[in-house]
Structures are given as C-alpha cells and as structure tokens.
Amino acid sequence: IGELGLSPYMLILILTLFYMVLGCFLDGISMIVMTLPICLPLVVQAGFNPVWFGVFLTLVIEVGQITPPVGFNLFVIQGLTNEPLERVALAAVPFFLVILLMVTLITIFPGIVTWLPSKMI
C-alpha cells in the first residue's frame, strides 16, 4: 500500500469498484475464495479491522451481484420471474443504492460494525 502511494480509503474505493465489476461475472463464494487471500493482508496492513472487512466484503459482493445491467443475481431473478431483464435491473436500482449507502456509512463510521463484537469479551 505504501509503495503504491494509496491512502487506506483509496484502497477501499478500488476494492469496491473491483468487486462490483467482478460481481457481474462470478458468484459470491467464488469471489471470496479467489480474492480474500490477496485482499485481506492489504486491508489489515492499511489499518482496517478484519471483522469490519468481512462485513464490507459481504456488502460489496452483494452490490456486485445486483449491479445493473449484468449482475449475476439479476439473471437469477429474471429467470424466476420471466420478466424482461431491463425491468428486473430497474427494480434492483433502489436496493443497489441502499447497499452503496450502507457501504459508505460503514466506511465512514466503522464503529457501526465493530461496536458489538468489541463488547463480546
């Protein structure tokens, strides 16, 4: 991270965009298995909590899965409902925006994620 000159939040932005694109082509478990061994050490080195990163990763993978127009889950819903893909993608936009808002909130306020686990000891 230091050698690339990236700030921690720039790394998070890059990972968010990366997982959004990857979610258009792969399912969630495949993304986790392929990328977690590389991304987790980077994120921990940047100073982020691993529990926080797990929640972040879950949210951005879901964003990637419903990213219009080619998100993986959009095709699943289209197949189940027999609706046109355009209509399914349009219906997914509010969910896409809400999950992006959640990602933004947990990035700005990581205590939202880490508060309860910190009380478990």
C-alpha atoms as a PDB file:
ATOM      1  CA  ILE A   1       0.000   0.000   0.000  1.00  0.00           C
ATOM      2  CA  GLY A   2       2.769   2.375   0.980  1.00  0.00           C
ATOM      3  CA  GLU A   3       4.754   1.661  -2.176  1.00  0.00           C
ATOM      4  CA  LEU A   4       1.750   2.405  -4.370  1.00  0.00           C
ATOM      5  CA  GLY A   5       1.030   5.664  -2.556  1.00  0.00           C
ATOM      6  CA  LEU A   6      -2.594   4.708  -1.886  1.00  0.00           C
ATOM      7  CA  SER A   7      -4.452   6.050   1.103  1.00  0.00           C
ATOM      8  CA  PRO A   8      -6.498   3.458   3.026  1.00  0.00           C
ATOM      9  CA  TYR A   9      -9.749   4.935   1.737  1.00  0.00           C
ATOM     10  CA  MET A  10      -8.491   4.888  -1.845  1.00  0.00           C
ATOM     11  CA  LEU A  11      -7.816   1.168  -1.374  1.00  0.00           C
ATOM     12  CA  ILE A  12     -11.408   0.686  -0.179  1.00  0.00           C
ATOM     13  CA  LEU A  13     -12.732   2.610  -3.188  1.00  0.00           C
ATOM     14  CA  ILE A  14     -10.647   0.482  -5.557  1.00  0.00           C
ATOM     15  CA  LEU A  15     -11.825  -2.726  -3.856  1.00  0.00           C
ATOM     16  CA  THR A  16     -15.449  -1.572  -4.059  1.00  0.00           C
ATOM     17  CA  LEU A  17     -15.167  -0.965  -7.792  1.00  0.00           C
ATOM     18  CA  PHE A  18     -13.237  -4.209  -8.282  1.00  0.00           C
ATOM     19  CA  TYR A  19     -15.901  -6.299  -6.536  1.00  0.00           C
ATOM     20  CA  MET A  20     -18.711  -4.510  -8.373  1.00  0.00           C
ATOM     21  CA  VAL A  21     -17.171  -5.473 -11.707  1.00  0.00           C
ATOM     22  CA  LEU A  22     -16.280  -8.985 -10.545  1.00  0.00           C
ATOM     23  CA  GLY A  23     -19.838  -9.497  -9.261  1.00  0.00           C
ATOM     24  CA  CYS A  24     -21.130  -9.147 -12.785  1.00  0.00           C
ATOM     25  CA  PHE A  25     -19.362 -12.364 -13.760  1.00  0.00           C
ATOM     26  CA  LEU A  26     -18.905 -14.546 -10.653  1.00  0.00           C
ATOM     27  CA  ASP A  27     -20.938 -15.694  -7.688  1.00  0.00           C
ATOM     28  CA  GLY A  28     -20.092 -14.522  -4.165  1.00  0.00           C
ATOM     29  CA  ILE A  29     -18.292 -17.611  -2.866  1.00  0.00           C
ATOM     30  CA  SER A  30     -16.040 -17.718  -5.928  1.00  0.00           C
ATOM     31  CA  MET A  31     -15.118 -14.070  -5.418  1.00  0.00           C
ATOM     32  CA  ILE A  32     -14.278 -14.659  -1.757  1.00  0.00           C
ATOM     33  CA  VAL A  33     -12.182 -17.772  -2.411  1.00  0.00           C
ATOM     34  CA  MET A  34     -10.254 -16.131  -5.257  1.00  0.00           C
ATOM     35  CA  THR A  35      -9.621 -12.703  -3.737  1.00  0.00           C
ATOM     36  CA  LEU A  36      -9.604 -12.922   0.067  1.00  0.00           C
ATOM     37  CA  PRO A  37      -6.049 -14.332   0.400  1.00  0.00           C
ATOM     38  CA  ILE A  38      -4.769 -11.324  -1.542  1.00  0.00           C
ATOM     39  CA  CYS A  39      -7.071  -8.572  -0.271  1.00  0.00           C
ATOM     40  CA  LEU A  40      -7.221  -9.328   3.469  1.00  0.00           C
ATOM     41  CA  PRO A  41      -3.495  -8.740   4.146  1.00  0.00           C
ATOM     42  CA  LEU A  42      -3.666  -5.477   2.177  1.00  0.00           C
ATOM     43  CA  VAL A  43      -6.670  -4.262   4.130  1.00  0.00           C
ATOM     44  CA  VAL A  44      -5.181  -5.239   7.502  1.00  0.00           C
ATOM     45  CA  GLN A  45      -1.909  -3.524   6.546  1.00  0.00           C
ATOM     46  CA  ALA A  46      -3.928  -0.405   5.687  1.00  0.00           C
ATOM     47  CA  GLY A  47      -5.266  -0.412   9.261  1.00  0.00           C
ATOM     48  CA  PHE A  48      -8.775  -1.788   8.850  1.00  0.00           C
ATOM     49  CA  ASN A  49     -10.325  -4.294  11.257  1.00  0.00           C
ATOM     50  CA  PRO A  50     -10.704  -7.810   9.743  1.00  0.00           C
ATOM     51  CA  VAL A  51     -14.260  -8.105  11.123  1.00  0.00           C
ATOM     52  CA  TRP A  52     -15.122  -4.795   9.507  1.00  0.00           C
ATOM     53  CA  PHE A  53     -13.624  -6.022   6.239  1.00  0.00           C
ATOM     54  CA  GLY A  54     -15.781  -9.157   6.379  1.00  0.00           C
ATOM     55  CA  VAL A  55     -18.946  -7.073   6.629  1.00  0.00           C
ATOM     56  CA  PHE A  56     -17.672  -4.684   3.965  1.00  0.00           C
ATOM     57  CA  LEU A  57     -16.851  -7.593   1.666  1.00  0.00           C
ATOM     58  CA  THR A  58     -20.306  -9.114   2.119  1.00  0.00           C
ATOM     59  CA  LEU A  59     -21.966  -5.827   1.196  1.00  0.00           C
ATOM     60  CA  VAL A  60     -19.814  -5.051  -1.845  1.00  0.00           C
ATOM     61  CA  ILE A  61     -20.205  -8.580  -3.155  1.00  0.00           C
ATOM     62  CA  GLU A  62     -23.966  -8.162  -2.966  1.00  0.00           C
ATOM     63  CA  VAL A  63     -23.664  -4.818  -4.756  1.00  0.00           C
ATOM     64  CA  GLY A  64     -21.690  -6.572  -7.471  1.00  0.00           C
ATOM     65  CA  GLN A  65     -24.307  -9.290  -7.738  1.00  0.00           C
ATOM     66  CA  ILE A  66     -27.101  -6.769  -8.424  1.00  0.00           C
ATOM     67  CA  THR A  67     -25.154  -4.205 -10.467  1.00  0.00           C
ATOM     68  CA  PRO A  68     -27.288  -3.351 -13.491  1.00  0.00           C
ATOM     69  CA  PRO A  69     -27.288  -4.378 -16.271  1.00  0.00           C
ATOM     70  CA  VAL A  70     -25.311  -7.624 -15.940  1.00  0.00           C
ATOM     71  CA  GLY A  71     -25.259  -8.535 -12.238  1.00  0.00           C
ATOM     72  CA  PHE A  72     -25.357 -12.276 -11.618  1.00  0.00           C
ATOM     73  CA  ASN A  73     -28.437 -12.133  -9.361  1.00  0.00           C
ATOM     74  CA  LEU A  74     -30.349 -10.091 -11.933  1.00  0.00           C
ATOM     75  CA  PHE A  75     -30.250 -13.063 -14.285  1.00  0.00           C
ATOM     76  CA  VAL A  76     -31.431 -15.371 -11.499  1.00  0.00           C
ATOM     77  CA  ILE A  77     -34.421 -13.125 -10.728  1.00  0.00           C
ATOM     78  CA  GLN A  78     -35.144 -12.696 -14.420  1.00  0.00           C
ATOM     79  CA  GLY A  79     -35.230 -16.467 -14.848  1.00  0.00           C
ATOM     80  CA  LEU A  80     -37.535 -16.928 -11.861  1.00  0.00           C
ATOM     81  CA  THR A  81     -39.996 -14.192 -12.799  1.00  0.00           C
ATOM     82  CA  ASN A  82     -39.826 -14.337 -16.613  1.00  0.00           C
ATOM     83  CA  GLU A  83     -39.751 -10.524 -16.594  1.00  0.00           C
ATOM     84  CA  PRO A  84     -37.560  -8.643 -19.069  1.00  0.00           C
ATOM     85  CA  LEU A  85     -34.028  -8.047 -17.796  1.00  0.00           C
ATOM     86  CA  GLU A  86     -34.480  -4.282 -18.128  1.00  0.00           C
ATOM     87  CA  ARG A  87     -37.415  -4.358 -15.716  1.00  0.00           C
ATOM     88  CA  VAL A  88     -35.517  -6.528 -13.225  1.00  0.00           C
ATOM     89  CA  ALA A  89     -32.492  -4.204 -13.413  1.00  0.00           C
ATOM     90  CA  LEU A  90     -34.672  -1.151 -12.890  1.00  0.00           C
ATOM     91  CA  ALA A  91     -36.333  -2.790  -9.881  1.00  0.00           C
ATOM     92  CA  ALA A  92     -32.891  -3.542  -8.400  1.00  0.00           C
ATOM     93  CA  VAL A  93     -31.687   0.077  -8.529  1.00  0.00           C
ATOM     94  CA  PRO A  94     -33.161   1.113  -5.128  1.00  0.00           C
ATOM     95  CA  PHE A  95     -31.518  -1.901  -3.460  1.00  0.00           C
ATOM     96  CA  PHE A  96     -28.247  -1.092  -5.226  1.00  0.00           C
ATOM     97  CA  LEU A  97     -28.345   2.479  -3.907  1.00  0.00           C
ATOM     98  CA  VAL A  98     -29.243   1.455  -0.349  1.00  0.00           C
ATOM     99  CA  ILE A  99     -26.409  -1.076  -0.181  1.00  0.00           C
ATOM    100  CA  LEU A 100     -23.980   1.538  -1.537  1.00  0.00           C
ATOM    101  CA  LEU A 101     -25.193   3.892   1.199  1.00  0.00           C
ATOM    102  CA  MET A 102     -24.552   1.170   3.785  1.00  0.00           C
ATOM    103  CA  VAL A 103     -21.034   0.629   2.406  1.00  0.00           C
ATOM    104  CA  THR A 104     -20.399   4.370   2.633  1.00  0.00           C
ATOM    105  CA  LEU A 105     -21.711   4.541   6.203  1.00  0.00           C
ATOM    106  CA  ILE A 106     -19.645   1.636   7.486  1.00  0.00           C
ATOM    107  CA  THR A 107     -16.568   3.069   5.787  1.00  0.00           C
ATOM    108  CA  ILE A 108     -17.047   6.490   7.379  1.00  0.00           C
ATOM    109  CA  PHE A 109     -18.217   5.068  10.731  1.00  0.00           C
ATOM    110  CA  PRO A 110     -16.529   1.664  11.202  1.00  0.00           C
ATOM    111  CA  GLY A 111     -17.838   1.558  14.772  1.00  0.00           C
ATOM    112  CA  ILE A 112     -21.219   0.561  13.349  1.00  0.00           C
ATOM    113  CA  VAL A 113     -19.675  -2.812  12.537  1.00  0.00           C
ATOM    114  CA  THR A 114     -17.091  -3.202  15.293  1.00  0.00           C
ATOM    115  CA  TRP A 115     -19.086  -1.996  18.320  1.00  0.00           C
ATOM    116  CA  LEU A 116     -20.968  -5.217  19.097  1.00  0.00           C
ATOM    117  CA  PRO A 117     -18.016  -7.597  18.553  1.00  0.00           C
ATOM    118  CA  SER A 118     -15.885  -5.396  20.828  1.00  0.00           C
ATOM    119  CA  LYS A 119     -18.406  -5.955  23.657  1.00  0.00           C
ATOM    120  CA  MET A 120     -18.168  -9.758  23.473  1.00  0.00           C
ATOM    121  CA  ILE A 121     -15.163 -10.167  25.767  1.00  0.00           C
END
